[in-house]
Amino acid sequence: MGTGPLPVTDQGLFPAEHRALRELYAMAGQLASHWGGLAPRLGGEAAAVLERGAAAARELLGELAGQTAAHGLHGVPAAQGLGGGGGRLKSAADLMLERNQALRRAGLDIQNVTTLLAYLAQLADARDGAELAGWERGWETRLREIESAALTVAVDEGREPDRAIEPADPGRMGRAGHAVANGLGTLGEAFDGSPLGRAARRVRNH
């Protein structure tokens, strides 16, 4: 039995689409902020990929403002600002990570954006919003290429095992954070190998 046309907001969007477009402001803002901060810490080919992704995210945000304004929807300052703040928090957390960890974690930023763009394009298609869907798919395609390059540089860290476990931030704070993380990891490993750890595994396995 048919349910009739799906409801849209006063702005001509599905409610799910409205929310997802605001989320895109946040996720793209986080991508621009986090990748832009991580790039100079890592240097080399990784930095080039991260800088390219950050620049693309900033360009996307500029175009997004025009696309959503046509529907009376805006993401600045709240949604985009929230994403930028999230990116800065991620940059702070990178101080505890190894190079390989920071790169693998950064890959999730762009994966979230490309998946969200694909989801948004499907929503736009469902209400015959061909123009917005085409814009979203164009950006998804462009960012997928950068996502693939980011995956490659993350995986290629395995070619240089010593470098892969260096602090993500080579500065004093990065070295200190890395030392703390290593210390916690050593304690955890010692506990897992202790009689208490073995007893805990026996309990869990029964």
Protein backbone atom coordinates (compact mmCIF):
# COMPACT_ATOMS: atom_id res chain seq x y z
CA MET A 1 0.00 0.00 0.00
CA GLY A 2 1.45 3.41 -0.99
CA THR A 3 2.23 5.98 1.63
CA GLY A 4 2.15 9.05 -0.65
CA PRO A 5 4.95 11.57 -1.12
CA LEU A 6 7.51 11.78 1.64
CA PRO A 7 7.34 14.98 3.71
CA VAL A 8 9.90 17.71 3.20
CA THR A 9 10.73 20.69 5.40
CA ASP A 10 9.84 24.28 4.58
CA GLN A 11 13.29 24.48 2.96
CA GLY A 12 12.35 21.73 0.47
CA LEU A 13 14.54 19.07 2.13
CA PHE A 14 13.80 15.82 3.89
CA PRO A 15 14.29 16.18 7.67
CA ALA A 16 17.03 13.54 7.41
CA GLU A 17 18.67 15.55 4.64
CA HIS A 18 18.49 18.77 6.64
CA ARG A 19 20.28 17.15 9.56
CA ALA A 20 22.85 15.41 7.36
CA LEU A 21 23.75 18.64 5.57
CA ARG A 22 24.43 20.31 8.91
CA GLU A 23 26.51 17.26 9.85
CA LEU A 24 28.46 17.72 6.62
CA TYR A 25 29.44 21.21 7.78
CA ALA A 26 30.75 19.69 11.01
CA MET A 27 32.52 16.69 9.46
CA ALA A 28 34.17 18.71 6.69
CA GLY A 29 35.21 21.33 9.25
CA GLN A 30 36.77 18.59 11.37
CA LEU A 31 38.59 17.17 8.34
CA ALA A 32 40.02 20.58 7.40
CA SER A 33 41.12 21.35 10.97
CA HIS A 34 42.56 17.95 11.91
CA TRP A 35 44.36 17.22 8.64
CA GLY A 36 45.65 20.78 8.41
CA GLY A 37 47.15 20.47 11.89
CA LEU A 38 48.60 16.98 11.41
CA ALA A 39 50.29 17.59 8.04
CA PRO A 40 53.23 19.71 9.26
CA ARG A 41 53.86 17.29 12.11
CA LEU A 42 54.37 14.31 9.81
CA GLY A 43 56.10 15.85 6.80
CA GLY A 44 56.92 14.11 3.52
CA GLU A 45 54.37 12.38 1.31
CA ALA A 46 51.93 12.00 4.20
CA ALA A 47 51.92 15.76 4.70
CA ALA A 48 51.26 16.37 1.00
CA VAL A 49 48.20 14.10 1.08
CA LEU A 50 46.90 15.63 4.31
CA GLU A 51 47.37 19.18 3.04
CA ARG A 52 45.52 18.29 -0.16
CA GLY A 53 42.65 16.84 1.85
CA ALA A 54 42.47 19.85 4.16
CA ALA A 55 42.42 22.23 1.20
CA ALA A 56 39.68 20.20 -0.50
CA ALA A 57 37.61 20.21 2.68
CA ARG A 58 37.88 24.00 2.90
CA GLU A 59 36.83 24.30 -0.73
CA LEU A 60 33.89 21.95 -0.12
CA LEU A 61 32.76 24.09 2.82
CA GLY A 62 32.84 27.20 0.65
CA GLU A 63 30.65 25.56 -1.99
CA LEU A 64 28.40 23.94 0.61
CA ALA A 65 27.43 27.36 1.94
CA GLY A 66 26.02 28.28 -1.47
CA GLN A 67 24.25 24.95 -1.93
CA THR A 68 22.49 25.06 1.42
CA ALA A 69 21.71 28.80 1.34
CA ALA A 70 19.47 28.04 -1.63
CA HIS A 71 17.36 26.02 0.83
CA GLY A 72 17.52 28.59 3.62
CA LEU A 73 19.94 26.36 5.56
CA HIS A 74 23.17 27.63 7.11
CA GLY A 75 25.95 25.84 8.98
CA VAL A 76 28.04 28.77 10.19
CA PRO A 77 28.97 29.44 12.91
CA ALA A 78 27.54 26.57 14.97
CA ALA A 79 27.85 23.37 12.89
CA GLN A 80 31.10 24.23 11.13
CA GLY A 81 32.56 25.67 14.32
CA LEU A 82 31.74 22.46 16.18
CA GLY A 83 33.59 20.46 13.55
CA GLY A 84 36.63 22.72 13.71
CA GLY A 85 36.71 22.35 17.47
CA GLY A 86 36.51 18.57 17.10
CA GLY A 87 39.45 18.69 14.71
CA ARG A 88 41.52 20.64 17.22
CA LEU A 89 40.69 18.09 19.93
CA LYS A 90 41.84 15.31 17.61
CA SER A 91 45.06 17.23 16.98
CA ALA A 92 45.65 17.39 20.72
CA ALA A 93 45.03 13.64 21.04
CA ASP A 94 47.60 13.02 18.28
CA LEU A 95 50.27 14.01 20.82
CA MET A 96 49.81 10.56 22.38
CA LEU A 97 50.08 8.63 19.13
CA GLU A 98 52.70 7.07 16.89
CA ARG A 99 52.96 8.19 13.25
CA ASN A 100 51.18 5.10 11.95
CA GLN A 101 48.38 5.45 14.49
CA ALA A 102 47.80 9.11 13.69
CA LEU A 103 47.65 8.42 9.95
CA ARG A 104 45.26 5.49 10.31
CA ARG A 105 43.03 7.54 12.61
CA ALA A 106 43.06 10.49 10.22
CA GLY A 107 41.75 8.23 7.48
CA LEU A 108 38.49 7.89 9.39
CA ASP A 109 37.90 11.65 9.06
CA ILE A 110 37.68 11.58 5.29
CA GLN A 111 35.85 8.25 5.24
CA ASN A 112 33.11 9.84 7.34
CA VAL A 113 32.80 12.71 4.85
CA THR A 114 32.71 10.53 1.72
CA THR A 115 30.13 8.19 3.24
CA LEU A 116 28.02 11.15 4.32
CA LEU A 117 28.16 12.64 0.81
CA ALA A 118 27.01 9.34 -0.72
CA TYR A 119 24.15 9.14 1.79
CA LEU A 120 23.15 12.75 1.06
CA ALA A 121 23.10 12.08 -2.68
CA GLN A 122 20.69 9.19 -2.15
CA LEU A 123 18.44 11.42 -0.05
CA ALA A 124 18.46 14.13 -2.72
CA ASP A 125 17.63 11.56 -5.41
CA ALA A 126 14.63 10.41 -3.38
CA ARG A 127 13.06 13.88 -3.62
CA ASP A 128 14.19 14.47 -7.23
CA GLY A 129 16.88 16.93 -6.16
CA ALA A 130 19.14 16.14 -9.11
CA GLU A 131 21.25 19.30 -8.90
CA LEU A 132 22.23 18.86 -5.26
CA ALA A 133 22.72 15.10 -5.72
CA GLY A 134 25.09 15.74 -8.62
CA TRP A 135 27.10 18.21 -6.56
CA GLU A 136 27.34 15.73 -3.68
CA ARG A 137 28.40 12.87 -5.94
CA GLY A 138 31.02 15.06 -7.58
CA TRP A 139 32.57 15.82 -4.22
CA GLU A 140 32.33 12.20 -3.12
CA THR A 141 34.29 11.14 -6.20
CA ARG A 142 36.93 13.80 -5.67
CA LEU A 143 37.40 12.98 -1.98
CA ARG A 144 37.46 9.21 -2.61
CA GLU A 145 40.69 9.72 -4.56
CA ILE A 146 42.23 11.58 -1.60
CA GLU A 147 40.87 8.92 0.77
CA SER A 148 42.63 6.25 -1.31
CA ALA A 149 45.89 8.23 -1.22
CA ALA A 150 45.59 8.60 2.56
CA LEU A 151 45.07 4.84 2.92
CA THR A 152 48.16 4.22 0.81
CA VAL A 153 50.45 6.45 2.89
CA ALA A 154 49.07 4.94 6.11
CA VAL A 155 49.71 1.39 4.92
CA ASP A 156 53.13 2.33 3.56
CA GLU A 157 54.25 3.27 7.08
CA GLY A 158 54.73 -0.49 7.43
CA ARG A 159 57.64 -0.28 4.98
CA GLU A 160 59.64 1.67 7.59
CA PRO A 161 58.94 0.00 10.94
CA ASP A 162 61.21 2.25 12.99
CA ARG A 163 59.69 5.43 11.60
CA ALA A 164 56.15 4.06 11.95
CA ILE A 165 56.42 4.04 15.75
CA GLU A 166 57.98 7.47 16.10
CA PRO A 167 55.84 10.12 17.83
CA ALA A 168 53.28 11.68 15.49
CA ASP A 169 54.47 15.05 16.78
CA PRO A 170 58.29 15.29 16.80
CA GLY A 171 58.26 18.22 19.23
CA ARG A 172 58.79 18.12 22.98
CA MET A 173 55.09 17.71 23.80
CA GLY A 174 54.73 14.95 21.24
CA ARG A 175 57.69 13.06 22.65
CA ALA A 176 56.32 13.42 26.18
CA GLY A 177 52.85 12.24 25.17
CA HIS A 178 54.33 9.32 23.27
CA ALA A 179 56.35 8.32 26.34
CA VAL A 180 53.22 8.37 28.51
CA ALA A 181 51.32 6.23 26.00
CA ASN A 182 54.21 3.77 25.80
CA GLY A 183 54.34 3.58 29.58
CA LEU A 184 50.63 2.80 29.79
CA GLY A 185 50.98 0.17 27.09
CA THR A 186 53.88 -1.46 28.93
CA LEU A 187 51.86 -1.59 32.15
CA GLY A 188 48.92 -3.13 30.32
CA GLU A 189 51.11 -5.75 28.69
CA ALA A 190 52.70 -6.61 32.06
CA PHE A 191 49.28 -7.04 33.64
CA ASP A 192 48.06 -9.26 30.79
CA GLY A 193 51.07 -11.52 31.31
CA SER A 194 50.77 -11.63 35.11
CA PRO A 195 48.98 -14.25 37.25
CA LEU A 196 46.11 -11.78 37.69
CA GLY A 197 45.81 -11.40 33.93
CA ARG A 198 45.81 -15.16 33.42
CA ALA A 199 43.16 -15.56 36.14
CA ALA A 200 41.00 -12.88 34.50
CA ARG A 201 41.19 -14.72 31.16
CA ARG A 202 40.19 -18.01 32.77
CA VAL A 203 37.14 -16.36 34.35
CA ARG A 204 36.18 -14.73 31.07
CA ASN A 205 36.52 -17.97 29.12
CA HIS A 206 34.13 -19.83 31.41
